[in-house]
Amino acid sequence: MEKMITATVNRSELKDIHDVVIDTKKPCRERIKDFISQMGSPYCYLDDGVVVEIGYANTQVSLQDRLVSYVSGVDQEIGNLK
């Protein structure tokens, strides 16, 4: 994926994720194709007018490891970071 910079993205060219309609009766592969064809780039889109940019880092740490680390730092009683 080529790195995008949210500030330079042409918002008028982005699709809003709420406009995507997926037929859940189709097989998974077809649903994925439908999603991509409707969204264009799944890495940069609008969500209620907010530009969302998704990226990833080339690292040995998994998403699961990151989530466990994050959750262990959240105060479970009030939901704030410790």
PDB file of N, CA and C in Angstrom:
ATOM      1  N   MET A   1       0.838  -1.181   0.000  1.00  0.00           N
ATOM      2  CA  MET A   1       0.000   0.000   0.000  1.00  0.00           C
ATOM      3  C   MET A   1       0.878   1.237   0.000  1.00  0.00           C
ATOM      4  N   GLU A   2       0.572   2.150  -0.871  1.00  0.00           N
ATOM      5  CA  GLU A   2       1.301   3.411  -0.912  1.00  0.00           C
ATOM      6  C   GLU A   2       0.816   4.307   0.214  1.00  0.00           C
ATOM      7  N   LYS A   3       1.759   4.952   0.887  1.00  0.00           N
ATOM      8  CA  LYS A   3       1.420   5.827   2.019  1.00  0.00           C
ATOM      9  C   LYS A   3       0.648   7.037   1.541  1.00  0.00           C
ATOM     10  N   MET A   4      -0.509   7.256   2.103  1.00  0.00           N
ATOM     11  CA  MET A   4      -1.312   8.440   1.815  1.00  0.00           C
ATOM     12  C   MET A   4      -1.159   9.404   2.982  1.00  0.00           C
ATOM     13  N   ILE A   5      -1.297  10.668   2.707  1.00  0.00           N
ATOM     14  CA  ILE A   5      -1.300  11.656   3.767  1.00  0.00           C
ATOM     15  C   ILE A   5      -2.694  12.259   3.788  1.00  0.00           C
ATOM     16  N   THR A   6      -3.405  12.042   4.885  1.00  0.00           N
ATOM     17  CA  THR A   6      -4.806  12.428   4.999  1.00  0.00           C
ATOM     18  C   THR A   6      -5.043  13.885   4.612  1.00  0.00           C
ATOM     19  N   ALA A   7      -4.127  14.765   4.944  1.00  0.00           N
ATOM     20  CA  ALA A   7      -4.311  16.190   4.658  1.00  0.00           C
ATOM     21  C   ALA A   7      -4.327  16.487   3.164  1.00  0.00           C
ATOM     22  N   THR A   8      -3.731  15.629   2.343  1.00  0.00           N
ATOM     23  CA  THR A   8      -3.654  15.892   0.906  1.00  0.00           C
ATOM     24  C   THR A   8      -4.647  15.066   0.090  1.00  0.00           C
ATOM     25  N   VAL A   9      -5.461  14.266   0.742  1.00  0.00           N
ATOM     26  CA  VAL A   9      -6.444  13.433   0.047  1.00  0.00           C
ATOM     27  C   VAL A   9      -7.587  14.304  -0.455  1.00  0.00           C
ATOM     28  N   ASN A  10      -8.034  14.048  -1.679  1.00  0.00           N
ATOM     29  CA  ASN A  10      -9.190  14.756  -2.223  1.00  0.00           C
ATOM     30  C   ASN A  10     -10.448  14.095  -1.671  1.00  0.00           C
ATOM     31  N   ARG A  11     -11.058  14.729  -0.687  1.00  0.00           N
ATOM     32  CA  ARG A  11     -12.222  14.161   0.000  1.00  0.00           C
ATOM     33  C   ARG A  11     -13.372  13.825  -0.951  1.00  0.00           C
ATOM     34  N   SER A  12     -13.500  14.584  -2.034  1.00  0.00           N
ATOM     35  CA  SER A  12     -14.604  14.346  -2.967  1.00  0.00           C
ATOM     36  C   SER A  12     -14.445  13.024  -3.720  1.00  0.00           C
ATOM     37  N   GLU A  13     -13.247  12.462  -3.723  1.00  0.00           N
ATOM     38  CA  GLU A  13     -13.010  11.188  -4.408  1.00  0.00           C
ATOM     39  C   GLU A  13     -13.182   9.984  -3.482  1.00  0.00           C
ATOM     40  N   LEU A  14     -13.333  10.242  -2.181  1.00  0.00           N
ATOM     41  CA  LEU A  14     -13.457   9.143  -1.227  1.00  0.00           C
ATOM     42  C   LEU A  14     -14.904   8.686  -1.098  1.00  0.00           C
ATOM     43  N   LYS A  15     -15.082   7.406  -0.850  1.00  0.00           N
ATOM     44  CA  LYS A  15     -16.406   6.828  -0.630  1.00  0.00           C
ATOM     45  C   LYS A  15     -16.702   6.810   0.869  1.00  0.00           C
ATOM     46  N   ASP A  16     -17.968   6.998   1.214  1.00  0.00           N
ATOM     47  CA  ASP A  16     -18.378   6.897   2.614  1.00  0.00           C
ATOM     48  C   ASP A  16     -18.747   5.446   2.895  1.00  0.00           C
ATOM     49  N   ILE A  17     -18.189   4.900   3.938  1.00  0.00           N
ATOM     50  CA  ILE A  17     -18.405   3.494   4.259  1.00  0.00           C
ATOM     51  C   ILE A  17     -19.880   3.181   4.514  1.00  0.00           C
ATOM     52  N   HIS A  18     -20.662   4.183   4.918  1.00  0.00           N
ATOM     53  CA  HIS A  18     -22.083   3.957   5.183  1.00  0.00           C
ATOM     54  C   HIS A  18     -22.897   3.781   3.896  1.00  0.00           C
ATOM     55  N   ASP A  19     -22.295   4.104   2.752  1.00  0.00           N
ATOM     56  CA  ASP A  19     -22.972   3.919   1.478  1.00  0.00           C
ATOM     57  C   ASP A  19     -22.771   2.518   0.908  1.00  0.00           C
ATOM     58  N   VAL A  20     -21.915   1.734   1.521  1.00  0.00           N
ATOM     59  CA  VAL A  20     -21.625   0.382   1.038  1.00  0.00           C
ATOM     60  C   VAL A  20     -22.751  -0.555   1.468  1.00  0.00           C
ATOM     61  N   VAL A  21     -23.243  -1.314   0.513  1.00  0.00           N
ATOM     62  CA  VAL A  21     -24.291  -2.297   0.787  1.00  0.00           C
ATOM     63  C   VAL A  21     -23.749  -3.666   0.385  1.00  0.00           C
ATOM     64  N   ILE A  22     -23.754  -4.590   1.333  1.00  0.00           N
ATOM     65  CA  ILE A  22     -23.230  -5.933   1.088  1.00  0.00           C
ATOM     66  C   ILE A  22     -24.363  -6.942   1.193  1.00  0.00           C
ATOM     67  N   ASP A  23     -24.460  -7.793   0.185  1.00  0.00           N
ATOM     68  CA  ASP A  23     -25.449  -8.865   0.187  1.00  0.00           C
ATOM     69  C   ASP A  23     -24.884 -10.029   0.997  1.00  0.00           C
ATOM     70  N   THR A  24     -25.387 -10.197   2.204  1.00  0.00           N
ATOM     71  CA  THR A  24     -24.846 -11.211   3.110  1.00  0.00           C
ATOM     72  C   THR A  24     -25.190 -12.641   2.690  1.00  0.00           C
ATOM     73  N   LYS A  25     -26.008 -12.777   1.679  1.00  0.00           N
ATOM     74  CA  LYS A  25     -26.338 -14.117   1.190  1.00  0.00           C
ATOM     75  C   LYS A  25     -25.278 -14.640   0.226  1.00  0.00           C
ATOM     76  N   LYS A  26     -24.414 -13.755  -0.253  1.00  0.00           N
ATOM     77  CA  LYS A  26     -23.354 -14.162  -1.177  1.00  0.00           C
ATOM     78  C   LYS A  26     -22.219 -14.827  -0.402  1.00  0.00           C
ATOM     79  N   PRO A  27     -21.432 -15.648  -1.086  1.00  0.00           N
ATOM     80  CA  PRO A  27     -20.256 -16.244  -0.435  1.00  0.00           C
ATOM     81  C   PRO A  27     -19.249 -15.153  -0.045  1.00  0.00           C
ATOM     82  N   CYS A  28     -18.407 -15.473   0.916  1.00  0.00           N
ATOM     83  CA  CYS A  28     -17.441 -14.514   1.462  1.00  0.00           C
ATOM     84  C   CYS A  28     -16.612 -13.849   0.369  1.00  0.00           C
ATOM     85  N   ARG A  29     -16.081 -14.614  -0.568  1.00  0.00           N
ATOM     86  CA  ARG A  29     -15.263 -14.048  -1.645  1.00  0.00           C
ATOM     87  C   ARG A  29     -16.020 -12.999  -2.447  1.00  0.00           C
ATOM     88  N   GLU A  30     -17.275 -13.260  -2.728  1.00  0.00           N
ATOM     89  CA  GLU A  30     -18.100 -12.309  -3.481  1.00  0.00           C
ATOM     90  C   GLU A  30     -18.378 -11.049  -2.659  1.00  0.00           C
ATOM     91  N   ARG A  31     -18.604 -11.219  -1.372  1.00  0.00           N
ATOM     92  CA  ARG A  31     -18.830 -10.056  -0.503  1.00  0.00           C
ATOM     93  C   ARG A  31     -17.601  -9.162  -0.456  1.00  0.00           C
ATOM     94  N   ILE A  32     -16.423  -9.779  -0.400  1.00  0.00           N
ATOM     95  CA  ILE A  32     -15.179  -9.003  -0.400  1.00  0.00           C
ATOM     96  C   ILE A  32     -15.041  -8.239  -1.711  1.00  0.00           C
ATOM     97  N   LYS A  33     -15.302  -8.900  -2.825  1.00  0.00           N
ATOM     98  CA  LYS A  33     -15.235  -8.235  -4.134  1.00  0.00           C
ATOM     99  C   LYS A  33     -16.217  -7.071  -4.208  1.00  0.00           C
ATOM    100  N   ASP A  34     -17.423  -7.284  -3.716  1.00  0.00           N
ATOM    101  CA  ASP A  34     -18.431  -6.218  -3.707  1.00  0.00           C
ATOM    102  C   ASP A  34     -17.972  -5.030  -2.871  1.00  0.00           C
ATOM    103  N   PHE A  35     -17.403  -5.317  -1.715  1.00  0.00           N
ATOM    104  CA  PHE A  35     -16.920  -4.258  -0.829  1.00  0.00           C
ATOM    105  C   PHE A  35     -15.852  -3.429  -1.528  1.00  0.00           C
ATOM    106  N   ILE A  36     -14.863  -4.101  -2.107  1.00  0.00           N
ATOM    107  CA  ILE A  36     -13.766  -3.402  -2.791  1.00  0.00           C
ATOM    108  C   ILE A  36     -14.291  -2.606  -3.983  1.00  0.00           C
ATOM    109  N   SER A  37     -15.192  -3.185  -4.740  1.00  0.00           N
ATOM    110  CA  SER A  37     -15.704  -2.467  -5.920  1.00  0.00           C
ATOM    111  C   SER A  37     -16.503  -1.227  -5.519  1.00  0.00           C
ATOM    112  N   GLN A  38     -17.196  -1.278  -4.383  1.00  0.00           N
ATOM    113  CA  GLN A  38     -17.957  -0.123  -3.926  1.00  0.00           C
ATOM    114  C   GLN A  38     -17.088   0.928  -3.242  1.00  0.00           C
ATOM    115  N   MET A  39     -16.064   0.489  -2.498  1.00  0.00           N
ATOM    116  CA  MET A  39     -15.227   1.407  -1.727  1.00  0.00           C
ATOM    117  C   MET A  39     -14.106   2.027  -2.543  1.00  0.00           C
ATOM    118  N   GLY A  40     -13.639   1.326  -3.563  1.00  0.00           N
ATOM    119  CA  GLY A  40     -12.412   1.767  -4.210  1.00  0.00           C
ATOM    120  C   GLY A  40     -11.277   1.321  -3.317  1.00  0.00           C
ATOM    121  N   SER A  41     -10.572   2.245  -2.716  1.00  0.00           N
ATOM    122  CA  SER A  41      -9.490   1.891  -1.797  1.00  0.00           C
ATOM    123  C   SER A  41     -10.056   1.629  -0.407  1.00  0.00           C
ATOM    124  N   PRO A  42      -9.865   0.428   0.119  1.00  0.00           N
ATOM    125  CA  PRO A  42     -10.335   0.161   1.481  1.00  0.00           C
ATOM    126  C   PRO A  42      -9.409   0.767   2.529  1.00  0.00           C
ATOM    127  N   TYR A  43      -8.312   1.370   2.088  1.00  0.00           N
ATOM    128  CA  TYR A  43      -7.328   1.936   3.008  1.00  0.00           C
ATOM    129  C   TYR A  43      -7.572   3.408   3.314  1.00  0.00           C
ATOM    130  N   CYS A  44      -8.423   4.060   2.551  1.00  0.00           N
ATOM    131  CA  CYS A  44      -8.716   5.469   2.800  1.00  0.00           C
ATOM    132  C   CYS A  44     -10.150   5.737   2.352  1.00  0.00           C
ATOM    133  N   TYR A  45     -10.990   6.132   3.310  1.00  0.00           N
ATOM    134  CA  TYR A  45     -12.411   6.330   3.018  1.00  0.00           C
ATOM    135  C   TYR A  45     -12.987   7.328   4.016  1.00  0.00           C
ATOM    136  N   LEU A  46     -14.258   7.645   3.835  1.00  0.00           N
ATOM    137  CA  LEU A  46     -14.955   8.538   4.763  1.00  0.00           C
ATOM    138  C   LEU A  46     -15.860   7.729   5.678  1.00  0.00           C
ATOM    139  N   ASP A  47     -15.980   8.182   6.903  1.00  0.00           N
ATOM    140  CA  ASP A  47     -16.929   7.622   7.861  1.00  0.00           C
ATOM    141  C   ASP A  47     -17.630   8.808   8.497  1.00  0.00           C
ATOM    142  N   ASP A  48     -18.846   9.090   8.040  1.00  0.00           N
ATOM    143  CA  ASP A  48     -19.607  10.260   8.486  1.00  0.00           C
ATOM    144  C   ASP A  48     -18.809  11.549   8.317  1.00  0.00           C
ATOM    145  N   GLY A  49     -18.144  11.683   7.182  1.00  0.00           N
ATOM    146  CA  GLY A  49     -17.411  12.898   6.869  1.00  0.00           C
ATOM    147  C   GLY A  49     -15.990  12.957   7.398  1.00  0.00           C
ATOM    148  N   VAL A  50     -15.586  11.959   8.173  1.00  0.00           N
ATOM    149  CA  VAL A  50     -14.230  11.919   8.723  1.00  0.00           C
ATOM    150  C   VAL A  50     -13.370  11.015   7.836  1.00  0.00           C
ATOM    151  N   VAL A  51     -12.204  11.525   7.424  1.00  0.00           N
ATOM    152  CA  VAL A  51     -11.292  10.719   6.611  1.00  0.00           C
ATOM    153  C   VAL A  51     -10.641   9.674   7.509  1.00  0.00           C
ATOM    154  N   VAL A  52     -10.776   8.401   7.104  1.00  0.00           N
ATOM    155  CA  VAL A  52     -10.163   7.288   7.827  1.00  0.00           C
ATOM    156  C   VAL A  52      -9.072   6.727   6.933  1.00  0.00           C
ATOM    157  N   GLU A  53      -7.868   6.646   7.476  1.00  0.00           N
ATOM    158  CA  GLU A  53      -6.743   6.109   6.729  1.00  0.00           C
ATOM    159  C   GLU A  53      -6.187   4.921   7.503  1.00  0.00           C
ATOM    160  N   ILE A  54      -6.105   3.779   6.845  1.00  0.00           N
ATOM    161  CA  ILE A  54      -5.637   2.560   7.480  1.00  0.00           C
ATOM    162  C   ILE A  54      -4.270   2.209   6.904  1.00  0.00           C
ATOM    163  N   GLY A  55      -3.361   1.870   7.784  1.00  0.00           N
ATOM    164  CA  GLY A  55      -2.033   1.456   7.365  1.00  0.00           C
ATOM    165  C   GLY A  55      -1.523   0.369   8.282  1.00  0.00           C
ATOM    166  N   TYR A  56      -0.363  -0.100   7.997  1.00  0.00           N
ATOM    167  CA  TYR A  56       0.221  -1.133   8.824  1.00  0.00           C
ATOM    168  C   TYR A  56       1.736  -0.958   8.834  1.00  0.00           C
ATOM    169  N   ALA A  57       2.364  -1.512   9.837  1.00  0.00           N
ATOM    170  CA  ALA A  57       3.814  -1.437   9.972  1.00  0.00           C
ATOM    171  C   ALA A  57       4.409  -2.817   9.735  1.00  0.00           C
ATOM    172  N   ASN A  58       5.576  -2.840   9.158  1.00  0.00           N
ATOM    173  CA  ASN A  58       6.281  -4.093   8.940  1.00  0.00           C
ATOM    174  C   ASN A  58       7.003  -4.451  10.236  1.00  0.00           C
ATOM    175  N   THR A  59       6.331  -5.242  11.072  1.00  0.00           N
ATOM    176  CA  THR A  59       6.867  -5.582  12.392  1.00  0.00           C
ATOM    177  C   THR A  59       6.508  -7.013  12.737  1.00  0.00           C
ATOM    178  N   GLN A  60       7.206  -7.560  13.699  1.00  0.00           N
ATOM    179  CA  GLN A  60       6.924  -8.923  14.168  1.00  0.00           C
ATOM    180  C   GLN A  60       5.812  -8.949  15.213  1.00  0.00           C
ATOM    181  N   VAL A  61       5.391  -7.781  15.701  1.00  0.00           N
ATOM    182  CA  VAL A  61       4.349  -7.706  16.713  1.00  0.00           C
ATOM    183  C   VAL A  61       2.993  -7.816  16.017  1.00  0.00           C
ATOM    184  N   SER A  62       2.157  -8.731  16.487  1.00  0.00           N
ATOM    185  CA  SER A  62       0.856  -8.947  15.857  1.00  0.00           C
ATOM    186  C   SER A  62      -0.172  -7.949  16.364  1.00  0.00           C
ATOM    187  N   LEU A  63      -1.260  -7.824  15.629  1.00  0.00           N
ATOM    188  CA  LEU A  63      -2.367  -6.981  16.068  1.00  0.00           C
ATOM    189  C   LEU A  63      -2.902  -7.484  17.407  1.00  0.00           C
ATOM    190  N   GLN A  64      -2.995  -8.786  17.558  1.00  0.00           N
ATOM    191  CA  GLN A  64      -3.478  -9.353  18.817  1.00  0.00           C
ATOM    192  C   GLN A  64      -2.578  -8.933  19.975  1.00  0.00           C
ATOM    193  N   ASP A  65      -1.261  -8.974  19.775  1.00  0.00           N
ATOM    194  CA  ASP A  65      -0.330  -8.534  20.826  1.00  0.00           C
ATOM    195  C   ASP A  65      -0.573  -7.075  21.184  1.00  0.00           C
ATOM    196  N   ARG A  66      -0.773  -6.234  20.179  1.00  0.00           N
ATOM    197  CA  ARG A  66      -1.015  -4.802  20.425  1.00  0.00           C
ATOM    198  C   ARG A  66      -2.315  -4.590  21.189  1.00  0.00           C
ATOM    199  N   LEU A  67      -3.359  -5.320  20.809  1.00  0.00           N
ATOM    200  CA  LEU A  67      -4.653  -5.166  21.483  1.00  0.00           C
ATOM    201  C   LEU A  67      -4.581  -5.623  22.929  1.00  0.00           C
ATOM    202  N   VAL A  68      -3.889  -6.742  23.192  1.00  0.00           N
ATOM    203  CA  VAL A  68      -3.731  -7.226  24.565  1.00  0.00           C
ATOM    204  C   VAL A  68      -2.977  -6.186  25.380  1.00  0.00           C
ATOM    205  N   SER A  69      -1.935  -5.614  24.796  1.00  0.00           N
ATOM    206  CA  SER A  69      -1.161  -4.582  25.488  1.00  0.00           C
ATOM    207  C   SER A  69      -2.028  -3.366  25.793  1.00  0.00           C
ATOM    208  N   TYR A  70      -2.835  -2.955  24.827  1.00  0.00           N
ATOM    209  CA  TYR A  70      -3.717  -1.798  25.026  1.00  0.00           C
ATOM    210  C   TYR A  70      -4.744  -2.073  26.123  1.00  0.00           C
ATOM    211  N   VAL A  71      -5.409  -3.217  26.033  1.00  0.00           N
ATOM    212  CA  VAL A  71      -6.475  -3.543  26.982  1.00  0.00           C
ATOM    213  C   VAL A  71      -5.917  -3.685  28.393  1.00  0.00           C
ATOM    214  N   SER A  72      -4.710  -4.197  28.521  1.00  0.00           N
ATOM    215  CA  SER A  72      -4.141  -4.343  29.859  1.00  0.00           C
ATOM    216  C   SER A  72      -3.823  -2.985  30.478  1.00  0.00           C
ATOM    217  N   GLY A  73      -3.767  -1.935  29.670  1.00  0.00           N
ATOM    218  CA  GLY A  73      -3.516  -0.596  30.183  1.00  0.00           C
ATOM    219  C   GLY A  73      -4.773   0.207  30.422  1.00  0.00           C
ATOM    220  N   VAL A  74      -5.936  -0.400  30.226  1.00  0.00           N
ATOM    221  CA  VAL A  74      -7.213   0.301  30.425  1.00  0.00           C
ATOM    222  C   VAL A  74      -7.773  -0.033  31.800  1.00  0.00           C
ATOM    223  N   ASP A  75      -8.170   0.983  32.529  1.00  0.00           N
ATOM    224  CA  ASP A  75      -8.801   0.799  33.822  1.00  0.00           C
ATOM    225  C   ASP A  75     -10.195   0.227  33.561  1.00  0.00           C
ATOM    226  N   GLN A  76     -10.401  -1.025  33.926  1.00  0.00           N
ATOM    227  CA  GLN A  76     -11.631  -1.734  33.602  1.00  0.00           C
ATOM    228  C   GLN A  76     -12.874  -1.141  34.252  1.00  0.00           C
ATOM    229  N   GLU A  77     -12.705  -0.442  35.375  1.00  0.00           N
ATOM    230  CA  GLU A  77     -13.870   0.117  36.064  1.00  0.00           C
ATOM    231  C   GLU A  77     -14.422   1.351  35.376  1.00  0.00           C
ATOM    232  N   ILE A  78     -13.542   2.196  34.834  1.00  0.00           N
ATOM    233  CA  ILE A  78     -14.026   3.442  34.237  1.00  0.00           C
ATOM    234  C   ILE A  78     -13.694   3.559  32.751  1.00  0.00           C
ATOM    235  N   GLY A  79     -12.937   2.604  32.211  1.00  0.00           N
ATOM    236  CA  GLY A  79     -12.670   2.601  30.782  1.00  0.00           C
ATOM    237  C   GLY A  79     -11.605   3.564  30.309  1.00  0.00           C
ATOM    238  N   ASN A  80     -10.876   4.201  31.216  1.00  0.00           N
ATOM    239  CA  ASN A  80      -9.809   5.121  30.843  1.00  0.00           C
ATOM    240  C   ASN A  80      -8.464   4.432  30.899  1.00  0.00           C
ATOM    241  N   LEU A  81      -7.515   4.967  30.127  1.00  0.00           N
ATOM    242  CA  LEU A  81      -6.158   4.449  30.216  1.00  0.00           C
ATOM    243  C   LEU A  81      -5.586   4.737  31.594  1.00  0.00           C
ATOM    244  N   LYS A  82      -4.824   3.796  32.115  1.00  0.00           N
ATOM    245  CA  LYS A  82      -4.204   3.951  33.446  1.00  0.00           C
ATOM    246  C   LYS A  82      -3.069   4.945  33.376  1.00  0.00           C
TER     247      LYS A  82
END
